[in-house]
Amino acid sequence: MIPAIQSALQGMNRNQLTMEQHAHRISRAGETGLSPESPTVSLPEEMVGMMVAQRGFEANIPVIRAADEMLGTLIDILA
């Protein structure tokens, strides 16, 4: 059960970082004076990336809930 929680938390952390990266790129989309080698920001692609990260984050929540319920049941049985 603990590895399932750890795996879900790692997935949530990865999705949070991905979300932050997309948000950062979106926030810089209108800036002038960016270096010529910096890629142009595609707002639709960034928004889709944020939506995918959000769904990935949400997908890990049931894993944590299920593990929490199993641990609670185990504690009730042992107590």
N, C-alpha and C. Protein backbone atom coordinates (compact mmCIF):
# COMPACT_ATOMS: atom_id res chain seq x y z
N MET A 1 0.82 -1.20 0.00
CA MET A 1 0.00 0.00 0.00
C MET A 1 0.87 1.26 0.00
N ILE A 2 1.92 1.23 0.79
CA ILE A 2 2.80 2.40 0.86
C ILE A 2 3.45 2.68 -0.49
N PRO A 3 3.94 1.67 -1.23
CA PRO A 3 4.50 1.97 -2.56
C PRO A 3 3.46 2.60 -3.49
N ALA A 4 2.21 2.22 -3.37
CA ALA A 4 1.16 2.81 -4.21
C ALA A 4 1.02 4.30 -3.89
N ILE A 5 1.07 4.63 -2.62
CA ILE A 5 0.96 6.04 -2.22
C ILE A 5 2.19 6.81 -2.71
N GLN A 6 3.36 6.22 -2.55
CA GLN A 6 4.58 6.89 -3.01
C GLN A 6 4.55 7.12 -4.52
N SER A 7 4.10 6.12 -5.25
CA SER A 7 4.01 6.24 -6.70
C SER A 7 3.02 7.33 -7.10
N ALA A 8 1.88 7.37 -6.43
CA ALA A 8 0.87 8.39 -6.73
C ALA A 8 1.40 9.78 -6.41
N LEU A 9 2.10 9.92 -5.29
CA LEU A 9 2.66 11.22 -4.93
C LEU A 9 3.73 11.66 -5.92
N GLN A 10 4.56 10.72 -6.38
CA GLN A 10 5.56 11.06 -7.39
C GLN A 10 4.89 11.52 -8.68
N GLY A 11 3.82 10.83 -9.07
CA GLY A 11 3.08 11.24 -10.26
C GLY A 11 2.48 12.62 -10.10
N MET A 12 1.95 12.90 -8.92
CA MET A 12 1.38 14.21 -8.66
C MET A 12 2.46 15.29 -8.71
N ASN A 13 3.62 15.00 -8.16
CA ASN A 13 4.73 15.97 -8.20
C ASN A 13 5.17 16.24 -9.64
N ARG A 14 5.28 15.17 -10.44
CA ARG A 14 5.68 15.36 -11.84
C ARG A 14 4.66 16.22 -12.59
N ASN A 15 3.38 15.95 -12.35
CA ASN A 15 2.34 16.72 -13.02
C ASN A 15 2.32 18.16 -12.55
N GLN A 16 2.61 18.38 -11.29
CA GLN A 16 2.67 19.75 -10.78
C GLN A 16 3.81 20.51 -11.46
N LEU A 17 4.97 19.86 -11.58
CA LEU A 17 6.11 20.51 -12.25
C LEU A 17 5.79 20.81 -13.71
N THR A 18 5.14 19.86 -14.37
CA THR A 18 4.75 20.07 -15.77
C THR A 18 3.80 21.25 -15.88
N MET A 19 2.84 21.32 -14.97
CA MET A 19 1.89 22.42 -14.97
C MET A 19 2.62 23.75 -14.78
N GLU A 20 3.56 23.79 -13.86
CA GLU A 20 4.31 25.02 -13.61
C GLU A 20 5.13 25.42 -14.84
N GLN A 21 5.71 24.46 -15.54
CA GLN A 21 6.50 24.77 -16.73
C GLN A 21 5.61 25.38 -17.82
N HIS A 22 4.44 24.78 -18.03
CA HIS A 22 3.52 25.31 -19.04
C HIS A 22 3.06 26.72 -18.64
N ALA A 23 2.73 26.89 -17.38
CA ALA A 23 2.26 28.20 -16.91
C ALA A 23 3.35 29.25 -17.08
N HIS A 24 4.59 28.87 -16.81
CA HIS A 24 5.70 29.81 -16.97
C HIS A 24 5.85 30.23 -18.42
N ARG A 25 5.78 29.24 -19.33
CA ARG A 25 5.91 29.57 -20.75
C ARG A 25 4.75 30.46 -21.21
N ILE A 26 3.56 30.20 -20.72
CA ILE A 26 2.41 31.04 -21.08
C ILE A 26 2.62 32.46 -20.56
N SER A 27 3.14 32.57 -19.34
CA SER A 27 3.33 33.90 -18.76
C SER A 27 4.36 34.73 -19.54
N ARG A 28 5.26 34.06 -20.23
CA ARG A 28 6.30 34.77 -21.00
C ARG A 28 5.90 34.96 -22.46
N ALA A 29 4.72 34.51 -22.84
CA ALA A 29 4.32 34.52 -24.25
C ALA A 29 4.33 35.91 -24.85
N GLY A 30 3.95 36.93 -24.12
CA GLY A 30 3.86 38.27 -24.67
C GLY A 30 5.09 39.12 -24.48
N GLU A 31 6.14 38.56 -23.89
CA GLU A 31 7.34 39.35 -23.61
C GLU A 31 8.08 39.69 -24.90
N THR A 32 8.61 40.87 -24.92
CA THR A 32 9.45 41.27 -26.05
C THR A 32 10.90 41.18 -25.61
N GLY A 33 11.77 41.10 -26.56
CA GLY A 33 13.20 41.05 -26.25
C GLY A 33 13.69 39.67 -25.90
N LEU A 34 12.88 38.63 -26.18
CA LEU A 34 13.37 37.27 -25.96
C LEU A 34 14.45 36.97 -26.98
N SER A 35 15.36 36.12 -26.62
CA SER A 35 16.46 35.80 -27.53
C SER A 35 15.93 35.12 -28.79
N PRO A 36 16.59 35.31 -29.91
CA PRO A 36 16.11 34.72 -31.17
C PRO A 36 16.06 33.20 -31.14
N GLU A 37 16.92 32.58 -30.33
CA GLU A 37 16.91 31.12 -30.29
C GLU A 37 15.81 30.55 -29.40
N SER A 38 15.13 31.40 -28.64
CA SER A 38 14.03 30.89 -27.82
C SER A 38 12.82 30.63 -28.71
N PRO A 39 12.20 29.47 -28.53
CA PRO A 39 11.06 29.11 -29.38
C PRO A 39 9.85 30.00 -29.09
N THR A 40 9.04 30.19 -30.11
CA THR A 40 7.80 30.92 -29.89
C THR A 40 6.85 30.03 -29.10
N VAL A 41 6.01 30.65 -28.32
CA VAL A 41 5.09 29.92 -27.46
C VAL A 41 3.79 29.69 -28.21
N SER A 42 3.37 28.45 -28.25
CA SER A 42 2.08 28.10 -28.84
C SER A 42 1.08 27.98 -27.70
N LEU A 43 0.24 28.98 -27.56
CA LEU A 43 -0.72 28.97 -26.45
C LEU A 43 -1.63 27.74 -26.47
N PRO A 44 -2.16 27.32 -27.63
CA PRO A 44 -2.99 26.11 -27.61
C PRO A 44 -2.22 24.88 -27.12
N GLU A 45 -0.97 24.74 -27.55
CA GLU A 45 -0.17 23.59 -27.09
C GLU A 45 0.09 23.66 -25.60
N GLU A 46 0.38 24.83 -25.11
CA GLU A 46 0.64 24.99 -23.67
C GLU A 46 -0.62 24.69 -22.86
N MET A 47 -1.77 25.15 -23.35
CA MET A 47 -3.02 24.89 -22.63
C MET A 47 -3.35 23.40 -22.62
N VAL A 48 -3.13 22.74 -23.75
CA VAL A 48 -3.36 21.29 -23.80
C VAL A 48 -2.41 20.58 -22.84
N GLY A 49 -1.17 21.02 -22.80
CA GLY A 49 -0.21 20.43 -21.85
C GLY A 49 -0.66 20.61 -20.41
N MET A 50 -1.22 21.78 -20.11
CA MET A 50 -1.71 22.03 -18.75
C MET A 50 -2.91 21.12 -18.44
N MET A 51 -3.77 20.93 -19.42
CA MET A 51 -4.94 20.07 -19.21
C MET A 51 -4.52 18.62 -19.00
N VAL A 52 -3.53 18.16 -19.75
CA VAL A 52 -3.03 16.80 -19.58
C VAL A 52 -2.41 16.64 -18.19
N ALA A 53 -1.64 17.63 -17.76
CA ALA A 53 -1.04 17.58 -16.42
C ALA A 53 -2.11 17.56 -15.34
N GLN A 54 -3.17 18.34 -15.54
CA GLN A 54 -4.27 18.37 -14.56
C GLN A 54 -4.93 17.00 -14.48
N ARG A 55 -5.21 16.39 -15.63
CA ARG A 55 -5.84 15.07 -15.62
C ARG A 55 -4.92 14.03 -15.00
N GLY A 56 -3.64 14.13 -15.26
CA GLY A 56 -2.69 13.21 -14.63
C GLY A 56 -2.68 13.37 -13.13
N PHE A 57 -2.75 14.61 -12.67
CA PHE A 57 -2.80 14.88 -11.24
C PHE A 57 -4.07 14.26 -10.65
N GLU A 58 -5.19 14.50 -11.31
CA GLU A 58 -6.47 13.98 -10.83
C GLU A 58 -6.52 12.46 -10.84
N ALA A 59 -5.81 11.82 -11.77
CA ALA A 59 -5.82 10.36 -11.86
C ALA A 59 -5.14 9.71 -10.67
N ASN A 60 -4.25 10.42 -10.01
CA ASN A 60 -3.55 9.86 -8.86
C ASN A 60 -4.35 9.96 -7.56
N ILE A 61 -5.34 10.81 -7.54
CA ILE A 61 -6.13 10.99 -6.31
C ILE A 61 -6.86 9.72 -5.89
N PRO A 62 -7.53 8.98 -6.80
CA PRO A 62 -8.20 7.74 -6.37
C PRO A 62 -7.23 6.70 -5.80
N VAL A 63 -6.00 6.68 -6.29
CA VAL A 63 -5.01 5.73 -5.77
C VAL A 63 -4.74 6.04 -4.30
N ILE A 64 -4.57 7.32 -3.99
CA ILE A 64 -4.30 7.71 -2.60
C ILE A 64 -5.53 7.43 -1.72
N ARG A 65 -6.71 7.71 -2.23
CA ARG A 65 -7.93 7.44 -1.46
C ARG A 65 -8.08 5.95 -1.17
N ALA A 66 -7.85 5.11 -2.19
CA ALA A 66 -7.98 3.67 -2.00
C ALA A 66 -6.96 3.16 -0.99
N ALA A 67 -5.74 3.62 -1.09
CA ALA A 67 -4.70 3.19 -0.13
C ALA A 67 -5.05 3.66 1.27
N ASP A 68 -5.58 4.87 1.39
CA ASP A 68 -5.99 5.39 2.69
C ASP A 68 -7.10 4.53 3.29
N GLU A 69 -8.08 4.16 2.48
CA GLU A 69 -9.16 3.31 2.97
C GLU A 69 -8.64 1.95 3.40
N MET A 70 -7.72 1.37 2.62
CA MET A 70 -7.17 0.07 2.97
C MET A 70 -6.37 0.14 4.27
N LEU A 71 -5.58 1.19 4.43
CA LEU A 71 -4.82 1.35 5.67
C LEU A 71 -5.77 1.54 6.85
N GLY A 72 -6.84 2.32 6.66
CA GLY A 72 -7.83 2.51 7.73
C GLY A 72 -8.49 1.20 8.12
N THR A 73 -8.85 0.39 7.12
CA THR A 73 -9.45 -0.91 7.39
C THR A 73 -8.47 -1.82 8.12
N LEU A 74 -7.23 -1.81 7.69
CA LEU A 74 -6.21 -2.63 8.35
C LEU A 74 -6.02 -2.22 9.80
N ILE A 75 -6.00 -0.93 10.06
CA ILE A 75 -5.86 -0.45 11.44
C ILE A 75 -7.06 -0.86 12.27
N ASP A 76 -8.28 -0.77 11.68
CA ASP A 76 -9.48 -1.19 12.40
C ASP A 76 -9.44 -2.68 12.73
N ILE A 77 -8.95 -3.49 11.82
CA ILE A 77 -8.87 -4.94 12.04
C ILE A 77 -7.86 -5.26 13.13
N LEU A 78 -6.73 -4.55 13.11
CA LEU A 78 -5.67 -4.83 14.08
C LEU A 78 -5.96 -4.23 15.45
N ALA A 79 -6.80 -3.24 15.52
CA ALA A 79 -7.03 -2.55 16.79
C ALA A 79 -7.99 -3.28 17.68
